[in-house]
Amino acid sequence: MFKLSDFFILLAVAVSFAISGLLWFEGKQMEGLFTAVWVPSILAFGIYFKLSSLLSKREQS
């Protein structure tokens, strides 16, 4: 159920979140906010690809 691609998507989210926090607390608030916007975007793409793969498996069977 949990594939390698899911791991990479969650890793990208975690890295983006960490970089965002790092930038924010270093005083670069605008850069931190810009990077924070990546988190929901990456998750949305991950959900889209996960659903499309599940639907394609369902249609094949």
PDB file of N, CA and C in Angstrom:
ATOM      1  N   MET A   1       0.816  -1.188   0.000  1.00  0.00           N
ATOM      2  CA  MET A   1       0.000   0.000   0.000  1.00  0.00           C
ATOM      3  C   MET A   1       0.863   1.257   0.000  1.00  0.00           C
ATOM      4  N   PHE A   2       1.934   1.258   0.761  1.00  0.00           N
ATOM      5  CA  PHE A   2       2.840   2.401   0.820  1.00  0.00           C
ATOM      6  C   PHE A   2       4.005   2.131  -0.110  1.00  0.00           C
ATOM      7  N   LYS A   3       4.015   2.827  -1.246  1.00  0.00           N
ATOM      8  CA  LYS A   3       5.025   2.567  -2.271  1.00  0.00           C
ATOM      9  C   LYS A   3       6.206   3.527  -2.121  1.00  0.00           C
ATOM     10  N   LEU A   4       7.235   3.271  -2.887  1.00  0.00           N
ATOM     11  CA  LEU A   4       8.430   4.109  -2.860  1.00  0.00           C
ATOM     12  C   LEU A   4       8.118   5.529  -3.316  1.00  0.00           C
ATOM     13  N   SER A   5       7.226   5.679  -4.273  1.00  0.00           N
ATOM     14  CA  SER A   5       6.867   7.017  -4.742  1.00  0.00           C
ATOM     15  C   SER A   5       6.183   7.822  -3.636  1.00  0.00           C
ATOM     16  N   ASP A   6       5.395   7.149  -2.791  1.00  0.00           N
ATOM     17  CA  ASP A   6       4.776   7.828  -1.650  1.00  0.00           C
ATOM     18  C   ASP A   6       5.843   8.341  -0.684  1.00  0.00           C
ATOM     19  N   PHE A   7       6.861   7.543  -0.481  1.00  0.00           N
ATOM     20  CA  PHE A   7       7.958   7.949   0.392  1.00  0.00           C
ATOM     21  C   PHE A   7       8.650   9.196  -0.149  1.00  0.00           C
ATOM     22  N   PHE A   8       8.888   9.242  -1.457  1.00  0.00           N
ATOM     23  CA  PHE A   8       9.567  10.393  -2.040  1.00  0.00           C
ATOM     24  C   PHE A   8       8.708  11.657  -1.980  1.00  0.00           C
ATOM     25  N   ILE A   9       7.416  11.502  -2.133  1.00  0.00           N
ATOM     26  CA  ILE A   9       6.519  12.657  -2.026  1.00  0.00           C
ATOM     27  C   ILE A   9       6.536  13.201  -0.600  1.00  0.00           C
ATOM     28  N   LEU A  10       6.448  12.306   0.389  1.00  0.00           N
ATOM     29  CA  LEU A  10       6.505  12.750   1.776  1.00  0.00           C
ATOM     30  C   LEU A  10       7.868  13.325   2.139  1.00  0.00           C
ATOM     31  N   LEU A  11       8.914  12.798   1.552  1.00  0.00           N
ATOM     32  CA  LEU A  11      10.249  13.343   1.775  1.00  0.00           C
ATOM     33  C   LEU A  11      10.351  14.757   1.209  1.00  0.00           C
ATOM     34  N   ALA A  12       9.802  14.970   0.016  1.00  0.00           N
ATOM     35  CA  ALA A  12       9.813  16.305  -0.581  1.00  0.00           C
ATOM     36  C   ALA A  12       9.020  17.288   0.262  1.00  0.00           C
ATOM     37  N   VAL A  13       7.902  16.848   0.816  1.00  0.00           N
ATOM     38  CA  VAL A  13       7.101  17.704   1.691  1.00  0.00           C
ATOM     39  C   VAL A  13       7.887  18.053   2.949  1.00  0.00           C
ATOM     40  N   ALA A  14       8.533  17.074   3.550  1.00  0.00           N
ATOM     41  CA  ALA A  14       9.290  17.311   4.779  1.00  0.00           C
ATOM     42  C   ALA A  14      10.465  18.256   4.538  1.00  0.00           C
ATOM     43  N   VAL A  15      11.154  18.068   3.428  1.00  0.00           N
ATOM     44  CA  VAL A  15      12.283  18.944   3.101  1.00  0.00           C
ATOM     45  C   VAL A  15      11.791  20.364   2.853  1.00  0.00           C
ATOM     46  N   SER A  16      10.716  20.502   2.127  1.00  0.00           N
ATOM     47  CA  SER A  16      10.155  21.826   1.859  1.00  0.00           C
ATOM     48  C   SER A  16       9.726  22.507   3.150  1.00  0.00           C
ATOM     49  N   PHE A  17       9.090  21.751   4.037  1.00  0.00           N
ATOM     50  CA  PHE A  17       8.659  22.310   5.313  1.00  0.00           C
ATOM     51  C   PHE A  17       9.853  22.741   6.160  1.00  0.00           C
ATOM     52  N   ALA A  18      10.891  21.923   6.188  1.00  0.00           N
ATOM     53  CA  ALA A  18      12.091  22.240   6.973  1.00  0.00           C
ATOM     54  C   ALA A  18      12.796  23.479   6.418  1.00  0.00           C
ATOM     55  N   ILE A  19      12.918  23.571   5.106  1.00  0.00           N
ATOM     56  CA  ILE A  19      13.554  24.739   4.502  1.00  0.00           C
ATOM     57  C   ILE A  19      12.729  25.991   4.772  1.00  0.00           C
ATOM     58  N   SER A  20      11.416  25.855   4.707  1.00  0.00           N
ATOM     59  CA  SER A  20      10.543  26.982   4.988  1.00  0.00           C
ATOM     60  C   SER A  20      10.734  27.480   6.421  1.00  0.00           C
ATOM     61  N   GLY A  21      10.739  26.570   7.368  1.00  0.00           N
ATOM     62  CA  GLY A  21      10.958  26.959   8.763  1.00  0.00           C
ATOM     63  C   GLY A  21      12.321  27.577   8.980  1.00  0.00           C
ATOM     64  N   LEU A  22      13.330  27.011   8.350  1.00  0.00           N
ATOM     65  CA  LEU A  22      14.689  27.544   8.469  1.00  0.00           C
ATOM     66  C   LEU A  22      14.752  28.977   7.936  1.00  0.00           C
ATOM     67  N   LEU A  23      14.187  29.200   6.768  1.00  0.00           N
ATOM     68  CA  LEU A  23      14.194  30.546   6.196  1.00  0.00           C
ATOM     69  C   LEU A  23      13.407  31.524   7.066  1.00  0.00           C
ATOM     70  N   TRP A  24      12.263  31.083   7.581  1.00  0.00           N
ATOM     71  CA  TRP A  24      11.434  31.961   8.406  1.00  0.00           C
ATOM     72  C   TRP A  24      12.189  32.425   9.655  1.00  0.00           C
ATOM     73  N   PHE A  25      12.824  31.468  10.341  1.00  0.00           N
ATOM     74  CA  PHE A  25      13.494  31.810  11.590  1.00  0.00           C
ATOM     75  C   PHE A  25      14.852  32.467  11.386  1.00  0.00           C
ATOM     76  N   GLU A  26      15.354  32.459  10.157  1.00  0.00           N
ATOM     77  CA  GLU A  26      16.571  33.220   9.856  1.00  0.00           C
ATOM     78  C   GLU A  26      16.250  34.672   9.507  1.00  0.00           C
ATOM     79  N   GLY A  27      14.973  35.011   9.495  1.00  0.00           N
ATOM     80  CA  GLY A  27      14.589  36.393   9.216  1.00  0.00           C
ATOM     81  C   GLY A  27      14.197  36.639   7.767  1.00  0.00           C
ATOM     82  N   LYS A  28      14.147  35.610   6.978  1.00  0.00           N
ATOM     83  CA  LYS A  28      13.753  35.738   5.565  1.00  0.00           C
ATOM     84  C   LYS A  28      12.306  35.272   5.432  1.00  0.00           C
ATOM     85  N   GLN A  29      11.380  36.100   5.953  1.00  0.00           N
ATOM     86  CA  GLN A  29       9.978  35.700   6.026  1.00  0.00           C
ATOM     87  C   GLN A  29       9.354  35.492   4.647  1.00  0.00           C
ATOM     88  N   MET A  30       9.641  36.355   3.694  1.00  0.00           N
ATOM     89  CA  MET A  30       9.032  36.224   2.365  1.00  0.00           C
ATOM     90  C   MET A  30       9.485  34.940   1.666  1.00  0.00           C
ATOM     91  N   GLU A  31      10.771  34.636   1.769  1.00  0.00           N
ATOM     92  CA  GLU A  31      11.274  33.397   1.174  1.00  0.00           C
ATOM     93  C   GLU A  31      10.689  32.176   1.880  1.00  0.00           C
ATOM     94  N   GLY A  32      10.534  32.281   3.206  1.00  0.00           N
ATOM     95  CA  GLY A  32       9.949  31.190   3.966  1.00  0.00           C
ATOM     96  C   GLY A  32       8.497  30.950   3.595  1.00  0.00           C
ATOM     97  N   LEU A  33       7.737  32.030   3.398  1.00  0.00           N
ATOM     98  CA  LEU A  33       6.344  31.885   2.979  1.00  0.00           C
ATOM     99  C   LEU A  33       6.246  31.302   1.573  1.00  0.00           C
ATOM    100  N   PHE A  34       7.131  31.737   0.689  1.00  0.00           N
ATOM    101  CA  PHE A  34       7.129  31.212  -0.673  1.00  0.00           C
ATOM    102  C   PHE A  34       7.397  29.708  -0.672  1.00  0.00           C
ATOM    103  N   THR A  35       8.351  29.288   0.141  1.00  0.00           N
ATOM    104  CA  THR A  35       8.672  27.861   0.223  1.00  0.00           C
ATOM    105  C   THR A  35       7.562  27.089   0.920  1.00  0.00           C
ATOM    106  N   ALA A  36       6.872  27.722   1.862  1.00  0.00           N
ATOM    107  CA  ALA A  36       5.781  27.050   2.568  1.00  0.00           C
ATOM    108  C   ALA A  36       4.617  26.743   1.634  1.00  0.00           C
ATOM    109  N   VAL A  37       4.457  27.514   0.580  1.00  0.00           N
ATOM    110  CA  VAL A  37       3.376  27.271  -0.381  1.00  0.00           C
ATOM    111  C   VAL A  37       3.621  25.974  -1.153  1.00  0.00           C
ATOM    112  N   TRP A  38       4.864  25.532  -1.214  1.00  0.00           N
ATOM    113  CA  TRP A  38       5.184  24.297  -1.926  1.00  0.00           C
ATOM    114  C   TRP A  38       4.578  23.077  -1.247  1.00  0.00           C
ATOM    115  N   VAL A  39       4.447  23.108   0.073  1.00  0.00           N
ATOM    116  CA  VAL A  39       3.996  21.932   0.825  1.00  0.00           C
ATOM    117  C   VAL A  39       2.625  21.448   0.350  1.00  0.00           C
ATOM    118  N   PRO A  40       1.579  22.297   0.348  1.00  0.00           N
ATOM    119  CA  PRO A  40       0.283  21.792  -0.129  1.00  0.00           C
ATOM    120  C   PRO A  40       0.287  21.472  -1.620  1.00  0.00           C
ATOM    121  N   SER A  41       1.119  22.163  -2.388  1.00  0.00           N
ATOM    122  CA  SER A  41       1.203  21.874  -3.819  1.00  0.00           C
ATOM    123  C   SER A  41       1.778  20.481  -4.065  1.00  0.00           C
ATOM    124  N   ILE A  42       2.837  20.151  -3.361  1.00  0.00           N
ATOM    125  CA  ILE A  42       3.438  18.819  -3.506  1.00  0.00           C
ATOM    126  C   ILE A  42       2.456  17.745  -3.051  1.00  0.00           C
ATOM    127  N   LEU A  43       1.770  17.991  -1.937  1.00  0.00           N
ATOM    128  CA  LEU A  43       0.785  17.026  -1.455  1.00  0.00           C
ATOM    129  C   LEU A  43      -0.356  16.850  -2.453  1.00  0.00           C
ATOM    130  N   ALA A  44      -0.802  17.937  -3.069  1.00  0.00           N
ATOM    131  CA  ALA A  44      -1.881  17.851  -4.051  1.00  0.00           C
ATOM    132  C   ALA A  44      -1.450  17.024  -5.261  1.00  0.00           C
ATOM    133  N   PHE A  45      -0.237  17.253  -5.752  1.00  0.00           N
ATOM    134  CA  PHE A  45       0.263  16.451  -6.861  1.00  0.00           C
ATOM    135  C   PHE A  45       0.388  14.983  -6.464  1.00  0.00           C
ATOM    136  N   GLY A  46       0.852  14.724  -5.252  1.00  0.00           N
ATOM    137  CA  GLY A  46       0.969  13.351  -4.775  1.00  0.00           C
ATOM    138  C   GLY A  46      -0.375  12.659  -4.697  1.00  0.00           C
ATOM    139  N   ILE A  47      -1.383  13.361  -4.194  1.00  0.00           N
ATOM    140  CA  ILE A  47      -2.728  12.790  -4.117  1.00  0.00           C
ATOM    141  C   ILE A  47      -3.272  12.525  -5.510  1.00  0.00           C
ATOM    142  N   TYR A  48      -3.048  13.450  -6.428  1.00  0.00           N
ATOM    143  CA  TYR A  48      -3.524  13.262  -7.801  1.00  0.00           C
ATOM    144  C   TYR A  48      -2.909  12.014  -8.429  1.00  0.00           C
ATOM    145  N   PHE A  49      -1.595  11.874  -8.323  1.00  0.00           N
ATOM    146  CA  PHE A  49      -0.932  10.721  -8.932  1.00  0.00           C
ATOM    147  C   PHE A  49      -1.324   9.419  -8.236  1.00  0.00           C
ATOM    148  N   LYS A  50      -1.514   9.463  -6.926  1.00  0.00           N
ATOM    149  CA  LYS A  50      -1.941   8.263  -6.194  1.00  0.00           C
ATOM    150  C   LYS A  50      -3.340   7.831  -6.647  1.00  0.00           C
ATOM    151  N   LEU A  51      -4.261   8.793  -6.751  1.00  0.00           N
ATOM    152  CA  LEU A  51      -5.617   8.467  -7.193  1.00  0.00           C
ATOM    153  C   LEU A  51      -5.654   7.979  -8.633  1.00  0.00           C
ATOM    154  N   SER A  52      -4.852   8.593  -9.491  1.00  0.00           N
ATOM    155  CA  SER A  52      -4.855   8.153 -10.884  1.00  0.00           C
ATOM    156  C   SER A  52      -4.283   6.739 -11.016  1.00  0.00           C
ATOM    157  N   SER A  53      -3.283   6.392 -10.206  1.00  0.00           N
ATOM    158  CA  SER A  53      -2.754   5.024 -10.271  1.00  0.00           C
ATOM    159  C   SER A  53      -3.762   4.026  -9.704  1.00  0.00           C
ATOM    160  N   LEU A  54      -4.475   4.407  -8.642  1.00  0.00           N
ATOM    161  CA  LEU A  54      -5.486   3.516  -8.096  1.00  0.00           C
ATOM    162  C   LEU A  54      -6.645   3.298  -9.054  1.00  0.00           C
ATOM    163  N   LEU A  55      -7.038   4.353  -9.733  1.00  0.00           N
ATOM    164  CA  LEU A  55      -8.127   4.226 -10.710  1.00  0.00           C
ATOM    165  C   LEU A  55      -7.723   3.383 -11.916  1.00  0.00           C
ATOM    166  N   SER A  56      -6.476   3.521 -12.344  1.00  0.00           N
ATOM    167  CA  SER A  56      -6.030   2.716 -13.485  1.00  0.00           C
ATOM    168  C   SER A  56      -5.952   1.231 -13.104  1.00  0.00           C
ATOM    169  N   LYS A  57      -5.545   0.931 -11.858  1.00  0.00           N
ATOM    170  CA  LYS A  57      -5.527  -0.466 -11.390  1.00  0.00           C
ATOM    171  C   LYS A  57      -6.938  -1.019 -11.303  1.00  0.00           C
ATOM    172  N   ARG A  58      -7.871  -0.179 -10.871  1.00  0.00           N
ATOM    173  CA  ARG A  58      -9.256  -0.610 -10.736  1.00  0.00           C
ATOM    174  C   ARG A  58      -9.886  -0.915 -12.093  1.00  0.00           C
ATOM    175  N   GLU A  59      -9.548  -0.112 -13.098  1.00  0.00           N
ATOM    176  CA  GLU A  59     -10.106  -0.324 -14.442  1.00  0.00           C
ATOM    177  C   GLU A  59      -9.537  -1.571 -15.107  1.00  0.00           C
ATOM    178  N   GLN A  60      -8.303  -1.940 -14.748  1.00  0.00           N
ATOM    179  CA  GLN A  60      -7.670  -3.110 -15.358  1.00  0.00           C
ATOM    180  C   GLN A  60      -8.261  -4.415 -14.824  1.00  0.00           C
ATOM    181  N   SER A  61      -8.758  -4.393 -13.615  1.00  0.00           N
ATOM    182  CA  SER A  61      -9.285  -5.646 -13.039  1.00  0.00           C
ATOM    183  C   SER A  61     -10.764  -5.807 -13.240  1.00  0.00           C
TER     184      SER A  61
END
